[in-house]
Amino acid sequence: MKHVVVIGGGIGGLTAALALLKRGFRVTVCERAPAFQEIGAGLHISPNGTSGLIDLGLGKAMERLAFVPVGKEFRLWNTGETWPGLDFGMNAEVLYGSPYYFLHRADLHEIIYKSILEIDPECILLNKQYVRHEDDGTAISVFLSDGGVVKGDVLVGADGVHSVVRSELFGADKPVFSGCVAWRMVMPKEDIRIPVRPVSSNWLGPGAHFVHYFLRGGELLNVVGIVERDDWQVESWSTQGSQEEMLADFEGWAHGVRAIIESGAKHPHKWALMLRSPLREWVSGRTALLGDAAHPTMPTMSQGANMAIEDGVLLARALGEFDDTELALRSFEAARLDRTARLVEQANANVKSFHSEELRDPERGSSFMESVFSSSRMKERFDWVYQYNPATVPLPDVRTRSASPECARDVPVFTK
């Protein structure tokens, strides 16, 4: 059975590794961190993501650690006026075949990690920094910074938005600052100074939006605030700001928003959101990219982790169904280019809707919210996303069709 070397032990890399192990492949994951830690924040794992993870046997573990939302609501930034979005909570399985969960990134990561170790305790190598690889047409040699070399048949670049594998294959990327800075924090429920409903609340206003939802069965509240500003362009999740700075970014917003900020950490994290057009190619020889290495996206569709999960499941399926490695990788690429490009495009477009100047005036804002964010409009916008099941969607046979769909195009980026 083929040996697949995966670079990167994030959600996408570990999903691919688990899916490959369950199909009988030998897998080695090279992760540069010396240890896995509880980092990150909340994730929307929508039915298109949970369906793939349930197929890998992770349904019960997710259910124990997830928060199941009643639904999604949209709120006007200054008045708090509310519009119901999608009633996806308990109805998600009926509508889309799989549940909708809110999960802490660290919890989901640990679920997948433990499942991998149950199959192969030697699968994951920590403190292994990827440097380069060689492909002689029959095998792959992966060179690490400590002088080690890992031999394999297939290489998967799952090393994130700053992917070294991607740069090696296709050259350095050229990120463009989106004009937006994101804030994030996670707080215990008992610290919150106001009542919070068990939904995903999306407060929308001119030049900014603010999102909060529960994690771990309601024990934690995840908060993300995104604001247009041009004085911070550091793309790092570890940078700390201040509560005062975050409050200043949401000056004039409703009491509910400001009370949540005041309930949180004194030093919330902030990072600049950068834009990159999806690649036209993810595959070169016996090497393929997945997740943020291939299609980094804005967080405004809540689909980054779900796309990585889909990638991991489809990659394993393709390698299992096609004996020819390069044909399998091209089939995987062809199956994914169209969908991921469309998701990235929609995420970029959402920023304009979420931050519309129409929201500045309460009367015009109400009319805008009704026309853009009603339940029926949201269902139209998301049905195609949630109905996708990576465990069953057909894999294209690229011997009979083009491996590069027309939609693998440059995606217009958001500008203020």
Protein backbone atom coordinates (compact mmCIF):
# COMPACT_ATOMS: atom_id res chain seq x y z
CA MET A 1 0.00 0.00 0.00
CA LYS A 2 1.23 3.51 -0.81
CA HIS A 3 2.98 5.64 1.79
CA VAL A 4 1.57 9.20 2.02
CA VAL A 5 3.62 11.94 3.71
CA VAL A 6 1.49 14.81 5.03
CA ILE A 7 3.13 18.14 5.87
CA GLY A 8 1.15 19.90 8.58
CA GLY A 9 -0.89 18.59 11.48
CA GLY A 10 -3.82 20.99 11.41
CA ILE A 11 -7.47 20.09 10.88
CA GLY A 12 -7.03 19.41 7.14
CA GLY A 13 -3.80 17.46 7.46
CA LEU A 14 -5.09 15.26 10.27
CA THR A 15 -8.42 14.64 8.51
CA ALA A 16 -6.53 13.50 5.42
CA ALA A 17 -4.27 11.30 7.55
CA LEU A 18 -7.19 9.64 9.34
CA ALA A 19 -9.12 9.10 6.10
CA LEU A 20 -6.04 7.56 4.47
CA LEU A 21 -5.29 5.29 7.44
CA LYS A 22 -8.85 4.01 7.39
CA ARG A 23 -8.34 3.06 3.75
CA GLY A 24 -5.23 1.08 4.59
CA PHE A 25 -2.55 3.56 3.52
CA ARG A 26 0.67 4.03 5.44
CA VAL A 27 0.80 7.67 6.60
CA THR A 28 3.45 9.92 8.12
CA VAL A 29 2.45 13.39 9.33
CA CYS A 30 5.30 15.89 9.78
CA GLU A 31 4.28 18.71 12.13
CA ARG A 32 6.70 21.54 12.89
CA ALA A 33 5.33 22.29 16.38
CA PRO A 34 7.08 20.47 19.23
CA ALA A 35 3.70 19.63 20.79
CA PHE A 36 0.00 20.08 20.09
CA GLN A 37 -1.52 22.73 22.36
CA GLU A 38 -5.03 24.02 23.02
CA ILE A 39 -4.91 26.96 20.65
CA GLY A 40 -7.39 28.66 18.38
CA ALA A 41 -11.03 29.47 18.95
CA GLY A 42 -14.48 28.42 17.77
CA LEU A 43 -15.45 26.72 14.52
CA HIS A 44 -18.72 26.27 12.66
CA ILE A 45 -18.69 22.64 11.54
CA SER A 46 -21.66 22.62 9.19
CA PRO A 47 -23.30 19.53 7.68
CA ASN A 48 -20.85 19.37 4.78
CA GLY A 49 -18.06 19.05 7.37
CA THR A 50 -19.79 16.82 9.92
CA SER A 51 -20.86 14.39 7.19
CA GLY A 52 -17.23 13.73 6.30
CA LEU A 53 -16.14 13.40 9.94
CA ILE A 54 -19.07 11.13 10.80
CA ASP A 55 -18.05 8.90 7.88
CA LEU A 56 -14.65 8.63 9.60
CA GLY A 57 -16.31 7.45 12.82
CA LEU A 58 -16.07 10.69 14.79
CA GLY A 59 -19.77 11.40 15.27
CA LYS A 60 -20.10 10.39 18.94
CA ALA A 61 -16.92 12.21 19.98
CA MET A 62 -18.06 15.42 18.30
CA GLU A 63 -21.50 15.19 19.83
CA ARG A 64 -20.01 15.02 23.34
CA LEU A 65 -17.95 18.21 22.92
CA ALA A 66 -20.07 20.30 20.57
CA PHE A 67 -22.66 22.97 21.13
CA VAL A 68 -25.77 22.50 19.00
CA PRO A 69 -27.18 25.94 18.11
CA VAL A 70 -30.86 26.69 17.87
CA GLY A 71 -30.15 28.69 14.74
CA LYS A 72 -28.57 31.85 13.39
CA GLU A 73 -29.77 35.41 13.84
CA PHE A 74 -28.76 38.75 12.33
CA ARG A 75 -28.89 41.92 14.41
CA LEU A 76 -28.61 45.60 13.58
CA TRP A 77 -25.48 47.04 15.12
CA ASN A 78 -26.94 49.99 17.05
CA THR A 79 -30.55 49.03 17.81
CA GLY A 80 -30.23 45.26 18.27
CA GLU A 81 -33.23 44.68 15.99
CA THR A 82 -33.15 40.99 15.09
CA TRP A 83 -33.89 38.88 12.00
CA PRO A 84 -33.91 35.07 12.19
CA GLY A 85 -31.46 33.52 9.77
CA LEU A 86 -31.29 29.77 9.25
CA ASP A 87 -33.04 27.50 11.73
CA PHE A 88 -30.28 24.95 11.29
CA GLY A 89 -29.99 23.62 14.86
CA MET A 90 -32.02 20.48 15.40
CA ASN A 91 -33.32 20.64 11.82
CA ALA A 92 -29.91 20.33 10.15
CA GLU A 93 -30.01 16.53 9.97
CA VAL A 94 -33.47 16.63 8.42
CA LEU A 95 -32.53 19.32 5.90
CA TYR A 96 -28.99 18.29 5.05
CA GLY A 97 -28.40 14.80 6.41
CA SER A 98 -25.87 15.74 9.11
CA PRO A 99 -25.81 17.93 12.23
CA TYR A 100 -24.52 21.47 12.57
CA TYR A 101 -22.03 21.90 15.42
CA PHE A 102 -20.07 24.65 17.08
CA LEU A 103 -16.73 23.20 18.23
CA HIS A 104 -13.58 24.59 19.78
CA ARG A 105 -10.76 24.11 17.29
CA ALA A 106 -8.64 22.39 19.94
CA ASP A 107 -11.45 19.92 20.74
CA LEU A 108 -11.93 18.92 17.11
CA HIS A 109 -8.18 18.65 16.63
CA GLU A 110 -7.87 16.35 19.64
CA ILE A 111 -10.75 14.15 18.46
CA ILE A 112 -9.06 13.54 15.11
CA TYR A 113 -5.59 13.22 16.67
CA LYS A 114 -6.68 10.52 19.14
CA SER A 115 -8.43 8.57 16.41
CA ILE A 116 -5.21 8.56 14.37
CA LEU A 117 -3.14 7.32 17.32
CA GLU A 118 -5.58 4.45 17.89
CA ILE A 119 -4.76 3.21 14.39
CA ASP A 120 -1.06 4.08 14.23
CA PRO A 121 0.70 5.54 17.31
CA GLU A 122 3.81 6.23 15.18
CA CYS A 123 1.97 8.16 12.47
CA ILE A 124 2.61 11.72 13.70
CA LEU A 125 6.11 13.17 13.97
CA LEU A 126 6.33 16.39 16.00
CA ASN A 127 9.05 19.06 15.83
CA LYS A 128 9.68 18.20 12.17
CA GLN A 129 10.12 21.29 9.99
CA TYR A 130 9.67 20.72 6.26
CA VAL A 131 12.39 22.17 4.01
CA ARG A 132 11.94 20.73 0.53
CA HIS A 133 11.20 17.57 -1.41
CA GLU A 134 12.40 15.67 -4.46
CA ASP A 135 10.14 13.71 -6.82
CA ASP A 136 11.95 11.28 -9.11
CA GLY A 137 8.75 10.19 -10.83
CA THR A 138 8.40 7.01 -8.80
CA ALA A 139 8.86 8.17 -5.21
CA ILE A 140 9.08 11.26 -2.99
CA SER A 141 11.93 12.24 -0.66
CA VAL A 142 11.02 14.79 2.02
CA PHE A 143 13.91 16.71 3.59
CA LEU A 144 13.52 18.11 7.12
CA SER A 145 15.39 20.86 8.95
CA ASP A 146 16.94 18.42 11.43
CA GLY A 147 18.61 16.56 8.57
CA GLY A 148 16.08 13.76 8.48
CA VAL A 149 14.61 12.38 5.26
CA VAL A 150 11.20 10.72 4.94
CA LYS A 151 10.56 8.56 1.88
CA GLY A 152 7.09 8.12 0.46
CA ASP A 153 4.93 7.68 -2.61
CA VAL A 154 2.75 10.80 -2.25
CA LEU A 155 3.30 14.21 -0.64
CA VAL A 156 0.43 16.32 0.74
CA GLY A 157 1.03 19.98 1.54
CA ALA A 158 -1.36 20.80 4.39
CA ASP A 159 0.92 23.39 5.95
CA GLY A 160 -1.50 26.28 6.07
CA VAL A 161 -1.76 29.79 4.75
CA HIS A 162 2.02 30.31 4.79
CA SER A 163 2.61 26.98 3.04
CA VAL A 164 6.24 26.16 2.25
CA VAL A 165 5.10 23.33 -0.03
CA ARG A 166 2.95 25.74 -2.06
CA SER A 167 5.81 28.23 -2.42
CA GLU A 168 8.12 25.44 -3.54
CA LEU A 169 5.70 24.21 -6.19
CA PHE A 170 4.11 27.41 -7.47
CA GLY A 171 6.20 30.30 -6.18
CA ALA A 172 5.60 32.80 -3.39
CA ASP A 173 2.05 34.07 -3.02
CA LYS A 174 1.11 37.73 -3.09
CA PRO A 175 -1.38 38.41 -0.30
CA VAL A 176 -3.39 41.62 -0.44
CA PHE A 177 -4.54 43.32 2.75
CA SER A 178 -8.33 43.10 2.90
CA GLY A 179 -8.71 46.37 4.78
CA CYS A 180 -10.10 44.42 7.75
CA VAL A 181 -8.72 43.57 11.19
CA ALA A 182 -10.24 40.72 13.19
CA TRP A 183 -10.57 40.43 16.95
CA ARG A 184 -11.14 37.14 18.76
CA MET A 185 -11.62 35.92 22.29
CA VAL A 186 -13.12 32.95 24.15
CA MET A 187 -14.63 33.48 27.58
CA PRO A 188 -16.30 31.31 30.25
CA LYS A 189 -20.08 31.59 30.29
CA GLU A 190 -20.08 32.76 33.91
CA ASP A 191 -18.05 35.84 33.00
CA ILE A 192 -20.68 37.18 30.58
CA ARG A 193 -22.48 40.21 31.99
CA ILE A 194 -25.67 39.92 29.93
CA PRO A 195 -28.02 37.09 28.86
CA VAL A 196 -26.92 35.48 25.57
CA ARG A 197 -29.23 33.37 23.42
CA PRO A 198 -28.08 29.87 22.26
CA VAL A 199 -27.68 30.94 18.64
CA SER A 200 -25.03 32.29 16.33
CA SER A 201 -25.58 36.04 16.64
CA ASN A 202 -24.26 38.18 13.81
CA TRP A 203 -24.37 41.93 14.51
CA LEU A 204 -23.91 43.86 11.27
CA GLY A 205 -22.99 47.52 10.92
CA PRO A 206 -21.29 50.05 8.65
CA GLY A 207 -17.65 49.03 8.33
CA ALA A 208 -17.75 46.20 10.88
CA HIS A 209 -19.52 43.11 12.16
CA PHE A 210 -19.52 41.18 15.44
CA VAL A 211 -20.25 37.45 15.92
CA HIS A 212 -20.69 35.31 19.04
CA TYR A 213 -21.76 31.73 19.76
CA PHE A 214 -21.32 29.08 22.46
CA LEU A 215 -18.84 26.19 22.58
CA ARG A 216 -18.44 23.02 24.70
CA GLY A 217 -22.09 22.52 25.48
CA GLY A 218 -22.48 26.16 26.44
CA GLU A 219 -19.48 26.43 28.81
CA LEU A 220 -17.63 28.96 26.62
CA LEU A 221 -18.61 31.90 24.43
CA ASN A 222 -16.62 32.44 21.22
CA VAL A 223 -16.41 36.04 20.00
CA VAL A 224 -15.13 37.42 16.69
CA GLY A 225 -15.26 41.07 15.69
CA ILE A 226 -14.14 42.29 12.26
CA VAL A 227 -13.63 45.98 11.56
CA GLU A 228 -12.37 47.98 8.60
CA ARG A 229 -9.15 49.81 9.45
CA ASP A 230 -5.80 50.25 7.75
CA ASP A 231 -3.35 50.74 10.62
CA TRP A 232 -2.69 47.07 11.41
CA GLN A 233 -1.47 44.56 8.81
CA VAL A 234 0.14 41.74 10.81
CA GLU A 235 -1.23 38.32 9.80
CA SER A 236 -0.76 36.52 13.10
CA TRP A 237 -3.29 34.91 15.44
CA SER A 238 -0.99 35.30 18.46
CA THR A 239 -0.84 39.12 18.58
CA GLN A 240 -2.57 40.65 21.58
CA GLY A 241 -4.41 43.94 21.55
CA SER A 242 -6.34 45.57 24.38
CA GLN A 243 -9.92 45.63 25.53
CA GLU A 244 -9.89 49.43 25.24
CA GLU A 245 -8.79 49.22 21.59
CA MET A 246 -11.49 46.69 20.78
CA LEU A 247 -14.14 48.83 22.49
CA ALA A 248 -12.97 51.82 20.44
CA ASP A 249 -13.45 49.80 17.24
CA PHE A 250 -17.08 49.19 18.27
CA GLU A 251 -17.82 52.67 19.58
CA GLY A 252 -21.54 53.48 19.34
CA TRP A 253 -22.60 49.84 19.00
CA ALA A 254 -25.46 48.39 21.04
CA HIS A 255 -25.07 47.64 24.73
CA GLY A 256 -25.14 43.88 24.02
CA VAL A 257 -21.98 44.07 21.92
CA ARG A 258 -20.06 46.33 24.25
CA ALA A 259 -21.07 44.35 27.35
CA ILE A 260 -19.66 41.17 25.80
CA ILE A 261 -16.38 42.91 24.97
CA GLU A 262 -16.19 44.23 28.53
CA SER A 263 -16.83 40.69 29.83
CA GLY A 264 -13.87 39.25 27.96
CA ALA A 265 -10.11 39.16 28.25
CA LYS A 266 -8.18 42.35 28.88
CA HIS A 267 -5.96 41.45 25.93
CA PRO A 268 -8.03 39.93 23.10
CA HIS A 269 -6.14 38.68 20.08
CA LYS A 270 -6.17 40.55 16.79
CA TRP A 271 -4.93 39.81 13.29
CA ALA A 272 -5.03 41.36 9.85
CA LEU A 273 -7.14 39.54 7.27
CA MET A 274 -5.27 39.01 4.01
CA LEU A 275 -6.73 38.01 0.65
CA ARG A 276 -5.28 35.49 -1.79
CA SER A 277 -6.82 34.24 -5.03
CA PRO A 278 -7.26 30.45 -5.05
CA LEU A 279 -4.64 28.59 -7.03
CA ARG A 280 -5.45 27.36 -10.53
CA GLU A 281 -3.48 24.19 -9.76
CA TRP A 282 -3.03 22.22 -6.55
CA VAL A 283 -1.10 19.27 -7.98
CA SER A 284 2.41 18.79 -9.32
CA GLY A 285 3.54 15.24 -10.03
CA ARG A 286 3.00 13.22 -6.85
CA THR A 287 2.37 16.26 -4.66
CA ALA A 288 -0.97 17.91 -3.84
CA LEU A 289 -2.06 20.81 -1.65
CA LEU A 290 -5.12 21.00 0.55
CA GLY A 291 -6.83 23.34 3.00
CA ASP A 292 -5.45 26.85 3.51
CA ALA A 293 -2.35 25.94 1.52
CA ALA A 294 -4.57 25.72 -1.57
CA HIS A 295 -7.52 28.06 -0.90
CA PRO A 296 -7.14 30.40 2.10
CA THR A 297 -10.35 32.28 2.72
CA MET A 298 -11.94 35.07 4.70
CA PRO A 299 -13.86 33.85 7.80
CA THR A 300 -17.13 35.37 6.58
CA MET A 301 -18.61 32.08 5.29
CA SER A 302 -17.45 30.02 8.29
CA GLN A 303 -16.17 27.44 5.83
CA GLY A 304 -12.37 27.37 6.18
CA ALA A 305 -12.26 24.28 8.40
CA ASN A 306 -15.09 22.63 6.49
CA MET A 307 -13.26 23.02 3.17
CA ALA A 308 -10.15 21.46 4.72
CA ILE A 309 -12.21 18.53 6.04
CA GLU A 310 -13.81 18.05 2.63
CA ASP A 311 -10.36 18.12 1.02
CA GLY A 312 -8.99 15.47 3.37
CA VAL A 313 -11.89 13.08 2.80
CA LEU A 314 -11.87 13.55 -1.01
CA LEU A 315 -8.10 13.15 -1.26
CA ALA A 316 -8.20 9.79 0.53
CA ARG A 317 -11.10 8.63 -1.61
CA ALA A 318 -9.29 9.57 -4.82
CA LEU A 319 -6.07 7.80 -3.82
CA GLY A 320 -8.12 4.76 -2.85
CA GLU A 321 -10.17 4.62 -6.04
CA PHE A 322 -7.45 5.27 -8.64
CA ASP A 323 -4.33 3.07 -8.80
CA ASP A 324 -2.40 5.70 -10.74
CA THR A 325 -1.18 8.27 -8.17
CA GLU A 326 -1.02 11.26 -10.49
CA LEU A 327 -4.43 10.43 -11.95
CA ALA A 328 -5.84 10.20 -8.43
CA LEU A 329 -4.42 13.58 -7.46
CA ARG A 330 -5.76 15.20 -10.63
CA SER A 331 -9.20 13.74 -9.93
CA PHE A 332 -9.09 15.18 -6.41
CA GLU A 333 -8.05 18.55 -7.80
CA ALA A 334 -10.80 18.57 -10.41
CA ALA A 335 -13.40 17.66 -7.79
CA ARG A 336 -12.39 20.56 -5.54
CA LEU A 337 -11.36 23.56 -7.65
CA ASP A 338 -14.86 24.70 -8.59
CA ARG A 339 -16.41 24.45 -5.15
CA THR A 340 -13.59 26.03 -3.16
CA ALA A 341 -13.20 28.94 -5.59
CA ARG A 342 -16.92 29.66 -5.29
CA LEU A 343 -16.75 29.56 -1.47
CA VAL A 344 -13.80 31.94 -1.37
CA GLU A 345 -15.58 34.28 -3.77
CA GLN A 346 -18.74 34.27 -1.64
CA ALA A 347 -16.75 34.90 1.55
CA ASN A 348 -15.18 37.97 -0.04
CA ALA A 349 -18.55 39.23 -1.23
CA ASN A 350 -20.05 38.76 2.24
CA VAL A 351 -17.77 41.42 3.69
CA LYS A 352 -19.49 44.09 1.61
CA SER A 353 -22.93 42.91 2.72
CA PHE A 354 -21.96 42.62 6.38
CA HIS A 355 -20.40 46.12 6.39
CA SER A 356 -22.81 47.97 4.11
CA GLU A 357 -23.24 51.72 4.53
CA GLU A 358 -26.99 51.07 4.19
CA LEU A 359 -26.82 49.89 7.80
CA ARG A 360 -25.84 53.30 9.15
CA ASP A 361 -29.39 54.65 9.18
CA PRO A 362 -31.85 52.52 11.25
CA GLU A 363 -34.72 52.76 8.74
CA ARG A 364 -32.59 52.02 5.68
CA GLY A 365 -30.70 49.42 7.68
CA SER A 366 -33.89 47.55 8.55
CA SER A 367 -34.95 47.48 4.92
CA PHE A 368 -31.49 46.27 3.86
CA MET A 369 -31.45 43.50 6.47
CA GLU A 370 -34.89 42.31 5.44
CA SER A 371 -33.93 42.12 1.76
CA VAL A 372 -30.47 40.54 2.17
CA PHE A 373 -30.59 38.46 5.36
CA SER A 374 -34.10 37.02 5.52
CA SER A 375 -34.46 33.28 6.19
CA SER A 376 -35.44 32.56 2.60
CA ARG A 377 -32.47 34.48 1.18
CA MET A 378 -30.06 32.76 3.54
CA LYS A 379 -31.41 29.33 2.64
CA GLU A 380 -30.87 30.08 -1.04
CA ARG A 381 -27.33 31.22 -0.27
CA PHE A 382 -26.31 28.22 1.83
CA ASP A 383 -28.23 25.16 0.61
CA TRP A 384 -25.57 24.34 -1.98
CA VAL A 385 -22.89 24.57 0.72
CA TYR A 386 -24.52 22.34 3.31
CA GLN A 387 -25.95 19.70 0.95
CA TYR A 388 -22.45 18.64 -0.13
CA ASN A 389 -21.23 15.32 1.31
CA PRO A 390 -17.51 14.67 0.71
CA ALA A 391 -17.96 10.98 1.51
CA THR A 392 -20.36 10.43 -1.41
CA VAL A 393 -19.88 13.22 -3.98
CA PRO A 394 -18.72 11.72 -7.32
CA LEU A 395 -15.04 11.83 -8.19
CA PRO A 396 -14.38 12.91 -11.79
CA ASP A 397 -12.46 10.62 -14.11
CA VAL A 398 -9.97 13.10 -15.56
CA ARG A 399 -9.10 10.74 -18.40
CA THR A 400 -12.39 11.73 -20.01
CA ARG A 401 -12.55 15.43 -19.12
CA SER A 402 -10.43 18.45 -18.47
CA ALA A 403 -8.65 18.36 -15.12
CA SER A 404 -8.91 22.14 -14.72
CA PRO A 405 -12.51 23.42 -14.69
CA GLU A 406 -13.19 26.86 -16.09
CA CYS A 407 -14.08 28.10 -12.63
CA ALA A 408 -10.52 27.71 -11.38
CA ARG A 409 -10.22 31.43 -11.95
CA ASP A 410 -8.98 34.52 -10.24
CA VAL A 411 -11.47 35.46 -7.56
CA PRO A 412 -12.24 39.18 -7.17
CA VAL A 413 -11.01 40.36 -3.81
CA PHE A 414 -12.83 42.63 -1.40
CA THR A 415 -11.91 46.27 -1.38
CA LYS A 416 -13.51 48.96 0.74
